């Protein structure tokens, strides 16, 4: 199992809109091959900061299966305009 960890810095004041969009986007990621589970956590100290934790069966399920899919294009359109700067994404085993 691979854990994807993404640090998400959201544009100031856009947290609630991001959370609303994420509710839609999580349906996309949870339908992907190799997806196991995910959690979105809001930072206590910084209002517009989150971490996204996604468990995948393999790194390829994330890097290739998800990121190169047509579903990823919808994910991007829902979420990517909220990020400033673009998230740092790392994988752990």
PDB file of N, CA and C in Angstrom:
ATOM      1  N   UNK A   1       0.847  -1.185   0.000  1.00  0.00           N
ATOM      2  CA  UNK A   1       0.000   0.000   0.000  1.00  0.00           C
ATOM      3  C   UNK A   1       0.886   1.240   0.000  1.00  0.00           C
ATOM      4  N   UNK A   2       0.447   2.265  -0.723  1.00  0.00           N
ATOM      5  CA  UNK A   2       1.155   3.537  -0.821  1.00  0.00           C
ATOM      6  C   UNK A   2       0.262   4.637  -0.262  1.00  0.00           C
ATOM      7  N   UNK A   3       0.844   5.504   0.561  1.00  0.00           N
ATOM      8  CA  UNK A   3       0.125   6.650   1.094  1.00  0.00           C
ATOM      9  C   UNK A   3       0.570   7.900   0.348  1.00  0.00           C
ATOM     10  N   UNK A   4      -0.370   8.539  -0.311  1.00  0.00           N
ATOM     11  CA  UNK A   4      -0.131   9.830  -0.950  1.00  0.00           C
ATOM     12  C   UNK A   4      -0.434  10.901   0.091  1.00  0.00           C
ATOM     13  N   UNK A   5       0.503  11.839   0.263  1.00  0.00           N
ATOM     14  CA  UNK A   5       0.326  12.952   1.190  1.00  0.00           C
ATOM     15  C   UNK A   5       0.459  14.244   0.398  1.00  0.00           C
ATOM     16  N   UNK A   6      -0.616  15.024   0.358  1.00  0.00           N
ATOM     17  CA  UNK A   6      -0.608  16.294  -0.371  1.00  0.00           C
ATOM     18  C   UNK A   6      -0.885  17.428   0.603  1.00  0.00           C
ATOM     19  N   UNK A   7       0.006  18.398   0.640  1.00  0.00           N
ATOM     20  CA  UNK A   7      -0.191  19.603   1.440  1.00  0.00           C
ATOM     21  C   UNK A   7      -0.876  20.624   0.552  1.00  0.00           C
ATOM     22  N   UNK A   8      -2.063  21.051   0.970  1.00  0.00           N
ATOM     23  CA  UNK A   8      -2.894  21.932   0.153  1.00  0.00           C
ATOM     24  C   UNK A   8      -3.015  23.304   0.798  1.00  0.00           C
ATOM     25  N   UNK A   9      -2.406  24.289   0.191  1.00  0.00           N
ATOM     26  CA  UNK A   9      -2.557  25.680   0.627  1.00  0.00           C
ATOM     27  C   UNK A   9      -3.603  26.312  -0.283  1.00  0.00           C
ATOM     28  N   UNK A  10      -4.695  26.724   0.322  1.00  0.00           N
ATOM     29  CA  UNK A  10      -5.842  27.249  -0.411  1.00  0.00           C
ATOM     30  C   UNK A  10      -5.783  28.778  -0.402  1.00  0.00           C
ATOM     31  N   UNK A  11      -6.190  29.374  -1.510  1.00  0.00           N
ATOM     32  CA  UNK A  11      -6.215  30.842  -1.585  1.00  0.00           C
ATOM     33  C   UNK A  11      -7.020  31.408  -0.417  1.00  0.00           C
ATOM     34  N   UNK A  12      -6.526  32.491   0.114  1.00  0.00           N
ATOM     35  CA  UNK A  12      -7.118  33.111   1.302  1.00  0.00           C
ATOM     36  C   UNK A  12      -8.632  33.301   1.151  1.00  0.00           C
ATOM     37  N   UNK A  13      -9.362  32.820   2.159  1.00  0.00           N
ATOM     38  CA  UNK A  13     -10.799  32.990   2.199  1.00  0.00           C
ATOM     39  C   UNK A  13     -11.595  32.021   1.334  1.00  0.00           C
ATOM     40  N   UNK A  14     -10.915  31.070   0.702  1.00  0.00           N
ATOM     41  CA  UNK A  14     -11.582  30.135  -0.203  1.00  0.00           C
ATOM     42  C   UNK A  14     -11.810  28.751   0.413  1.00  0.00           C
ATOM     43  N   UNK A  15     -11.547  28.600   1.711  1.00  0.00           N
ATOM     44  CA  UNK A  15     -11.646  27.301   2.363  1.00  0.00           C
ATOM     45  C   UNK A  15     -13.012  26.642   2.245  1.00  0.00           C
ATOM     46  N   UNK A  16     -14.069  27.382   2.500  1.00  0.00           N
ATOM     47  CA  UNK A  16     -15.415  26.789   2.442  1.00  0.00           C
ATOM     48  C   UNK A  16     -15.780  26.375   1.021  1.00  0.00           C
ATOM     49  N   UNK A  17     -15.428  27.201   0.049  1.00  0.00           N
ATOM     50  CA  UNK A  17     -15.694  26.849  -1.351  1.00  0.00           C
ATOM     51  C   UNK A  17     -14.889  25.623  -1.752  1.00  0.00           C
ATOM     52  N   UNK A  18     -13.627  25.536  -1.291  1.00  0.00           N
ATOM     53  CA  UNK A  18     -12.795  24.370  -1.556  1.00  0.00           C
ATOM     54  C   UNK A  18     -13.431  23.114  -0.964  1.00  0.00           C
ATOM     55  N   UNK A  19     -13.868  23.206   0.292  1.00  0.00           N
ATOM     56  CA  UNK A  19     -14.478  22.039   0.939  1.00  0.00           C
ATOM     57  C   UNK A  19     -15.725  21.578   0.191  1.00  0.00           C
ATOM     58  N   UNK A  20     -16.512  22.497  -0.303  1.00  0.00           N
ATOM     59  CA  UNK A  20     -17.700  22.153  -1.075  1.00  0.00           C
ATOM     60  C   UNK A  20     -17.320  21.447  -2.373  1.00  0.00           C
ATOM     61  N   UNK A  21     -16.328  21.974  -3.064  1.00  0.00           N
ATOM     62  CA  UNK A  21     -15.868  21.354  -4.312  1.00  0.00           C
ATOM     63  C   UNK A  21     -15.249  19.986  -4.037  1.00  0.00           C
ATOM     64  N   UNK A  22     -14.554  19.859  -2.907  1.00  0.00           N
ATOM     65  CA  UNK A  22     -13.928  18.580  -2.584  1.00  0.00           C
ATOM     66  C   UNK A  22     -14.979  17.498  -2.353  1.00  0.00           C
ATOM     67  N   UNK A  23     -16.116  17.859  -1.803  1.00  0.00           N
ATOM     68  CA  UNK A  23     -17.187  16.867  -1.605  1.00  0.00           C
ATOM     69  C   UNK A  23     -17.586  16.223  -2.921  1.00  0.00           C
ATOM     70  N   UNK A  24     -17.590  17.003  -4.001  1.00  0.00           N
ATOM     71  CA  UNK A  24     -17.876  16.463  -5.329  1.00  0.00           C
ATOM     72  C   UNK A  24     -16.681  15.670  -5.851  1.00  0.00           C
ATOM     73  N   UNK A  25     -15.489  16.234  -5.687  1.00  0.00           N
ATOM     74  CA  UNK A  25     -14.276  15.621  -6.235  1.00  0.00           C
ATOM     75  C   UNK A  25     -13.947  14.284  -5.577  1.00  0.00           C
ATOM     76  N   UNK A  26     -14.288  14.113  -4.305  1.00  0.00           N
ATOM     77  CA  UNK A  26     -13.928  12.863  -3.627  1.00  0.00           C
ATOM     78  C   UNK A  26     -14.652  11.665  -4.243  1.00  0.00           C
ATOM     79  N   UNK A  27     -15.784  11.899  -4.878  1.00  0.00           N
ATOM     80  CA  UNK A  27     -16.496  10.817  -5.561  1.00  0.00           C
ATOM     81  C   UNK A  27     -15.688  10.324  -6.751  1.00  0.00           C
ATOM     82  N   UNK A  28     -14.943  11.228  -7.370  1.00  0.00           N
ATOM     83  CA  UNK A  28     -14.108  10.862  -8.515  1.00  0.00           C
ATOM     84  C   UNK A  28     -12.966   9.973  -8.058  1.00  0.00           C
ATOM     85  N   UNK A  29     -12.198  10.445  -7.090  1.00  0.00           N
ATOM     86  CA  UNK A  29     -11.009   9.702  -6.674  1.00  0.00           C
ATOM     87  C   UNK A  29     -11.381   8.351  -6.064  1.00  0.00           C
ATOM     88  N   UNK A  30     -12.483   8.311  -5.336  1.00  0.00           N
ATOM     89  CA  UNK A  30     -12.858   7.055  -4.679  1.00  0.00           C
ATOM     90  C   UNK A  30     -13.350   5.994  -5.665  1.00  0.00           C
ATOM     91  N   UNK A  31     -13.603   6.395  -6.908  1.00  0.00           N
ATOM     92  CA  UNK A  31     -14.050   5.432  -7.918  1.00  0.00           C
ATOM     93  C   UNK A  31     -12.894   4.854  -8.737  1.00  0.00           C
ATOM     94  N   UNK A  32     -11.679   5.321  -8.486  1.00  0.00           N
ATOM     95  CA  UNK A  32     -10.546   4.933  -9.323  1.00  0.00           C
ATOM     96  C   UNK A  32      -9.970   3.561  -8.929  1.00  0.00           C
ATOM     97  N   UNK A  33      -9.441   2.876  -9.933  1.00  0.00           N
ATOM     98  CA  UNK A  33      -8.788   1.588  -9.703  1.00  0.00           C
ATOM     99  C   UNK A  33      -7.604   1.797  -8.757  1.00  0.00           C
ATOM    100  N   UNK A  34      -7.483   0.941  -7.776  1.00  0.00           N
ATOM    101  CA  UNK A  34      -6.368   1.003  -6.842  1.00  0.00           C
ATOM    102  C   UNK A  34      -6.598   1.904  -5.643  1.00  0.00           C
ATOM    103  N   UNK A  35      -7.674   2.671  -5.659  1.00  0.00           N
ATOM    104  CA  UNK A  35      -8.006   3.541  -4.520  1.00  0.00           C
ATOM    105  C   UNK A  35      -8.419   2.671  -3.338  1.00  0.00           C
ATOM    106  N   UNK A  36      -7.935   3.023  -2.149  1.00  0.00           N
ATOM    107  CA  UNK A  36      -8.312   2.307  -0.922  1.00  0.00           C
ATOM    108  C   UNK A  36      -9.135   3.212  -0.011  1.00  0.00           C
ATOM    109  N   UNK A  37      -8.606   4.393   0.323  1.00  0.00           N
ATOM    110  CA  UNK A  37      -9.311   5.303   1.232  1.00  0.00           C
ATOM    111  C   UNK A  37      -8.670   6.679   1.163  1.00  0.00           C
ATOM    112  N   UNK A  38      -9.355   7.668   1.741  1.00  0.00           N
ATOM    113  CA  UNK A  38      -8.767   9.006   1.817  1.00  0.00           C
ATOM    114  C   UNK A  38      -9.303   9.753   3.035  1.00  0.00           C
ATOM    115  N   UNK A  39      -8.553  10.773   3.431  1.00  0.00           N
ATOM    116  CA  UNK A  39      -8.963  11.694   4.489  1.00  0.00           C
ATOM    117  C   UNK A  39      -8.496  13.088   4.104  1.00  0.00           C
ATOM    118  N   UNK A  40      -9.346  14.072   4.306  1.00  0.00           N
ATOM    119  CA  UNK A  40      -8.971  15.470   4.151  1.00  0.00           C
ATOM    120  C   UNK A  40      -8.997  16.083   5.539  1.00  0.00           C
ATOM    121  N   UNK A  41      -7.886  16.672   5.946  1.00  0.00           N
ATOM    122  CA  UNK A  41      -7.772  17.264   7.281  1.00  0.00           C
ATOM    123  C   UNK A  41      -7.476  18.753   7.162  1.00  0.00           C
ATOM    124  N   UNK A  42      -8.184  19.552   7.962  1.00  0.00           N
ATOM    125  CA  UNK A  42      -7.994  21.007   7.997  1.00  0.00           C
ATOM    126  C   UNK A  42      -7.004  21.358   9.104  1.00  0.00           C
ATOM    127  N   UNK A  43      -6.064  22.205   8.786  1.00  0.00           N
ATOM    128  CA  UNK A  43      -5.056  22.635   9.749  1.00  0.00           C
ATOM    129  C   UNK A  43      -5.695  23.488  10.854  1.00  0.00           C
ATOM    130  N   UNK A  44      -5.271  23.269  12.066  1.00  0.00           N
ATOM    131  CA  UNK A  44      -5.773  24.027  13.208  1.00  0.00           C
ATOM    132  C   UNK A  44      -5.116  25.411  13.265  1.00  0.00           C
ATOM    133  N   UNK A  45      -3.813  25.475  12.993  1.00  0.00           N
ATOM    134  CA  UNK A  45      -3.082  26.731  13.134  1.00  0.00           C
ATOM    135  C   UNK A  45      -3.221  27.678  11.937  1.00  0.00           C
ATOM    136  N   UNK A  46      -3.411  27.129  10.739  1.00  0.00           N
ATOM    137  CA  UNK A  46      -3.483  27.953   9.532  1.00  0.00           C
ATOM    138  C   UNK A  46      -4.824  27.722   8.843  1.00  0.00           C
ATOM    139  N   UNK A  47      -5.622  28.763   8.782  1.00  0.00           N
ATOM    140  CA  UNK A  47      -7.017  28.651   8.344  1.00  0.00           C
ATOM    141  C   UNK A  47      -7.203  28.046   6.952  1.00  0.00           C
ATOM    142  N   UNK A  48      -6.358  28.389   6.017  1.00  0.00           N
ATOM    143  CA  UNK A  48      -6.555  27.941   4.636  1.00  0.00           C
ATOM    144  C   UNK A  48      -5.577  26.842   4.222  1.00  0.00           C
ATOM    145  N   UNK A  49      -5.244  25.958   5.154  1.00  0.00           N
ATOM    146  CA  UNK A  49      -4.301  24.876   4.870  1.00  0.00           C
ATOM    147  C   UNK A  49      -4.947  23.540   5.216  1.00  0.00           C
ATOM    148  N   UNK A  50      -4.720  22.558   4.343  1.00  0.00           N
ATOM    149  CA  UNK A  50      -5.272  21.209   4.508  1.00  0.00           C
ATOM    150  C   UNK A  50      -4.198  20.193   4.154  1.00  0.00           C
ATOM    151  N   UNK A  51      -4.401  18.966   4.593  1.00  0.00           N
ATOM    152  CA  UNK A  51      -3.635  17.850   4.044  1.00  0.00           C
ATOM    153  C   UNK A  51      -4.635  16.831   3.520  1.00  0.00           C
ATOM    154  N   UNK A  52      -4.254  16.227   2.416  1.00  0.00           N
ATOM    155  CA  UNK A  52      -5.041  15.154   1.823  1.00  0.00           C
ATOM    156  C   UNK A  52      -4.210  13.886   1.909  1.00  0.00           C
ATOM    157  N   UNK A  53      -4.776  12.857   2.523  1.00  0.00           N
ATOM    158  CA  UNK A  53      -4.121  11.561   2.661  1.00  0.00           C
ATOM    159  C   UNK A  53      -4.918  10.552   1.856  1.00  0.00           C
ATOM    160  N   UNK A  54      -4.271   9.918   0.881  1.00  0.00           N
ATOM    161  CA  UNK A  54      -4.954   8.937   0.040  1.00  0.00           C
ATOM    162  C   UNK A  54      -4.155   7.649   0.043  1.00  0.00           C
ATOM    163  N   UNK A  55      -4.799   6.550   0.387  1.00  0.00           N
ATOM    164  CA  UNK A  55      -4.169   5.233   0.316  1.00  0.00           C
ATOM    165  C   UNK A  55      -4.483   4.604  -1.040  1.00  0.00           C
ATOM    166  N   UNK A  56      -3.427   4.178  -1.711  1.00  0.00           N
ATOM    167  CA  UNK A  56      -3.516   3.523  -3.009  1.00  0.00           C
ATOM    168  C   UNK A  56      -2.898   2.134  -2.912  1.00  0.00           C
ATOM    169  N   UNK A  57      -3.336   1.232  -3.752  1.00  0.00           N
ATOM    170  CA  UNK A  57      -2.710  -0.094  -3.793  1.00  0.00           C
ATOM    171  C   UNK A  57      -1.264   0.014  -4.268  1.00  0.00           C
ATOM    172  N   UNK A  58      -1.013   0.818  -5.322  1.00  0.00           N
ATOM    173  CA  UNK A  58       0.344   1.009  -5.844  1.00  0.00           C
ATOM    174  C   UNK A  58       0.547   2.474  -6.214  1.00  0.00           C
ATOM    175  N   UNK A  59       1.806   2.870  -6.341  1.00  0.00           N
ATOM    176  CA  UNK A  59       2.087   4.244  -6.771  1.00  0.00           C
ATOM    177  C   UNK A  59       1.598   4.467  -8.204  1.00  0.00           C
ATOM    178  N   UNK A  60       1.646   3.422  -9.016  1.00  0.00           N
ATOM    179  CA  UNK A  60       1.160   3.510 -10.391  1.00  0.00           C
ATOM    180  C   UNK A  60      -0.330   3.797 -10.469  1.00  0.00           C
ATOM    181  N   UNK A  61      -1.090   3.267  -9.504  1.00  0.00           N
ATOM    182  CA  UNK A  61      -2.524   3.554  -9.484  1.00  0.00           C
ATOM    183  C   UNK A  61      -2.773   5.050  -9.343  1.00  0.00           C
ATOM    184  N   UNK A  62      -1.911   5.734  -8.606  1.00  0.00           N
ATOM    185  CA  UNK A  62      -2.040   7.177  -8.453  1.00  0.00           C
ATOM    186  C   UNK A  62      -1.411   7.920  -9.626  1.00  0.00           C
ATOM    187  N   UNK A  63      -0.120   7.670  -9.854  1.00  0.00           N
ATOM    188  CA  UNK A  63       0.654   8.433 -10.826  1.00  0.00           C
ATOM    189  C   UNK A  63       0.198   8.214 -12.268  1.00  0.00           C
ATOM    190  N   UNK A  64      -0.185   7.005 -12.608  1.00  0.00           N
ATOM    191  CA  UNK A  64      -0.579   6.700 -13.985  1.00  0.00           C
ATOM    192  C   UNK A  64      -2.090   6.529 -14.094  1.00  0.00           C
ATOM    193  N   UNK A  65      -2.636   5.595 -13.308  1.00  0.00           N
ATOM    194  CA  UNK A  65      -4.061   5.290 -13.405  1.00  0.00           C
ATOM    195  C   UNK A  65      -4.959   6.484 -13.155  1.00  0.00           C
ATOM    196  N   UNK A  66      -4.664   7.268 -12.118  1.00  0.00           N
ATOM    197  CA  UNK A  66      -5.499   8.431 -11.800  1.00  0.00           C
ATOM    198  C   UNK A  66      -5.073   9.664 -12.589  1.00  0.00           C
ATOM    199  N   UNK A  67      -3.811  10.026 -12.493  1.00  0.00           N
ATOM    200  CA  UNK A  67      -3.362  11.288 -13.096  1.00  0.00           C
ATOM    201  C   UNK A  67      -3.433  11.323 -14.620  1.00  0.00           C
ATOM    202  N   UNK A  68      -3.452  10.181 -15.244  1.00  0.00           N
ATOM    203  CA  UNK A  68      -3.532  10.155 -16.709  1.00  0.00           C
ATOM    204  C   UNK A  68      -4.940   9.806 -17.204  1.00  0.00           C
ATOM    205  N   UNK A  69      -5.899   9.805 -16.295  1.00  0.00           N
ATOM    206  CA  UNK A  69      -7.277   9.432 -16.649  1.00  0.00           C
ATOM    207  C   UNK A  69      -8.098  10.653 -17.071  1.00  0.00           C
ATOM    208  N   UNK A  70      -9.195  10.393 -17.744  1.00  0.00           N
ATOM    209  CA  UNK A  70     -10.123  11.481 -18.079  1.00  0.00           C
ATOM    210  C   UNK A  70     -10.792  12.010 -16.814  1.00  0.00           C
ATOM    211  N   UNK A  71     -10.984  11.151 -15.824  1.00  0.00           N
ATOM    212  CA  UNK A  71     -11.571  11.580 -14.546  1.00  0.00           C
ATOM    213  C   UNK A  71     -10.703  12.634 -13.860  1.00  0.00           C
ATOM    214  N   UNK A  72      -9.370  12.525 -14.041  1.00  0.00           N
ATOM    215  CA  UNK A  72      -8.467  13.497 -13.436  1.00  0.00           C
ATOM    216  C   UNK A  72      -8.713  14.899 -13.982  1.00  0.00           C
ATOM    217  N   UNK A  73      -9.128  15.004 -15.230  1.00  0.00           N
ATOM    218  CA  UNK A  73      -9.419  16.314 -15.815  1.00  0.00           C
ATOM    219  C   UNK A  73     -10.575  16.985 -15.077  1.00  0.00           C
ATOM    220  N   UNK A  74     -11.568  16.206 -14.695  1.00  0.00           N
ATOM    221  CA  UNK A  74     -12.685  16.749 -13.921  1.00  0.00           C
ATOM    222  C   UNK A  74     -12.220  17.147 -12.518  1.00  0.00           C
ATOM    223  N   UNK A  75     -11.387  16.292 -11.888  1.00  0.00           N
ATOM    224  CA  UNK A  75     -10.781  16.582 -10.584  1.00  0.00           C
ATOM    225  C   UNK A  75     -10.057  17.925 -10.649  1.00  0.00           C
ATOM    226  N   UNK A  76      -9.222  18.104 -11.676  1.00  0.00           N
ATOM    227  CA  UNK A  76      -8.475  19.346 -11.850  1.00  0.00           C
ATOM    228  C   UNK A  76      -9.402  20.551 -11.969  1.00  0.00           C
ATOM    229  N   UNK A  77     -10.451  20.417 -12.764  1.00  0.00           N
ATOM    230  CA  UNK A  77     -11.341  21.564 -12.965  1.00  0.00           C
ATOM    231  C   UNK A  77     -12.099  21.934 -11.688  1.00  0.00           C
ATOM    232  N   UNK A  78     -12.353  20.945 -10.842  1.00  0.00           N
ATOM    233  CA  UNK A  78     -13.035  21.215  -9.573  1.00  0.00           C
ATOM    234  C   UNK A  78     -12.120  21.851  -8.531  1.00  0.00           C
ATOM    235  N   UNK A  79     -10.846  21.446  -8.500  1.00  0.00           N
ATOM    236  CA  UNK A  79      -9.994  21.792  -7.362  1.00  0.00           C
ATOM    237  C   UNK A  79      -8.769  22.654  -7.640  1.00  0.00           C
ATOM    238  N   UNK A  80      -8.135  22.513  -8.775  1.00  0.00           N
ATOM    239  CA  UNK A  80      -6.810  23.113  -8.950  1.00  0.00           C
ATOM    240  C   UNK A  80      -6.793  24.635  -8.879  1.00  0.00           C
ATOM    241  N   UNK A  81      -7.887  25.291  -9.183  1.00  0.00           N
ATOM    242  CA  UNK A  81      -7.899  26.756  -9.120  1.00  0.00           C
ATOM    243  C   UNK A  81      -7.894  27.294  -7.679  1.00  0.00           C
ATOM    244  N   UNK A  82      -8.073  26.422  -6.693  1.00  0.00           N
ATOM    245  CA  UNK A  82      -8.040  26.849  -5.290  1.00  0.00           C
ATOM    246  C   UNK A  82      -6.620  26.926  -4.724  1.00  0.00           C
ATOM    247  N   UNK A  83      -5.663  26.245  -5.345  1.00  0.00           N
ATOM    248  CA  UNK A  83      -4.328  26.087  -4.760  1.00  0.00           C
ATOM    249  C   UNK A  83      -3.417  27.275  -5.017  1.00  0.00           C
ATOM    250  N   UNK A  84      -2.696  27.678  -3.955  1.00  0.00           N
ATOM    251  CA  UNK A  84      -1.689  28.726  -4.075  1.00  0.00           C
ATOM    252  C   UNK A  84      -0.666  28.573  -2.965  1.00  0.00           C
ATOM    253  N   UNK A  85       0.510  28.046  -3.239  1.00  0.00           N
ATOM    254  CA  UNK A  85       1.000  27.530  -4.516  1.00  0.00           C
ATOM    255  C   UNK A  85       0.449  26.122  -4.791  1.00  0.00           C
ATOM    256  N   UNK A  86       0.864  25.543  -5.917  1.00  0.00           N
ATOM    257  CA  UNK A  86       0.412  24.198  -6.255  1.00  0.00           C
ATOM    258  C   UNK A  86       0.931  23.227  -5.192  1.00  0.00           C
ATOM    259  N   UNK A  87       0.135  22.228  -4.828  1.00  0.00           N
ATOM    260  CA  UNK A  87       0.489  21.312  -3.732  1.00  0.00           C
ATOM    261  C   UNK A  87       1.771  20.512  -3.947  1.00  0.00           C
ATOM    262  N   UNK A  88       2.424  20.251  -2.853  1.00  0.00           N
ATOM    263  CA  UNK A  88       3.531  19.293  -2.821  1.00  0.00           C
ATOM    264  C   UNK A  88       2.901  17.944  -2.534  1.00  0.00           C
ATOM    265  N   UNK A  89       3.193  16.963  -3.379  1.00  0.00           N
ATOM    266  CA  UNK A  89       2.627  15.627  -3.219  1.00  0.00           C
ATOM    267  C   UNK A  89       3.775  14.638  -3.063  1.00  0.00           C
ATOM    268  N   UNK A  90       3.731  13.833  -1.998  1.00  0.00           N
ATOM    269  CA  UNK A  90       4.754  12.822  -1.745  1.00  0.00           C
ATOM    270  C   UNK A  90       4.068  11.492  -1.480  1.00  0.00           C
ATOM    271  N   UNK A  91       4.839  10.415  -1.642  1.00  0.00           N
ATOM    272  CA  UNK A  91       4.324   9.068  -1.434  1.00  0.00           C
ATOM    273  C   UNK A  91       5.138   8.365  -0.349  1.00  0.00           C
ATOM    274  N   UNK A  92       4.447   7.595   0.474  1.00  0.00           N
ATOM    275  CA  UNK A  92       5.078   6.895   1.587  1.00  0.00           C
ATOM    276  C   UNK A  92       4.612   5.440   1.583  1.00  0.00           C
ATOM    277  N   UNK A  93       5.501   4.575   2.095  1.00  0.00           N
ATOM    278  CA  UNK A  93       5.115   3.158   2.229  1.00  0.00           C
ATOM    279  C   UNK A  93       5.336   2.688   3.636  1.00  0.00           C
TER     280      UNK A  93
END
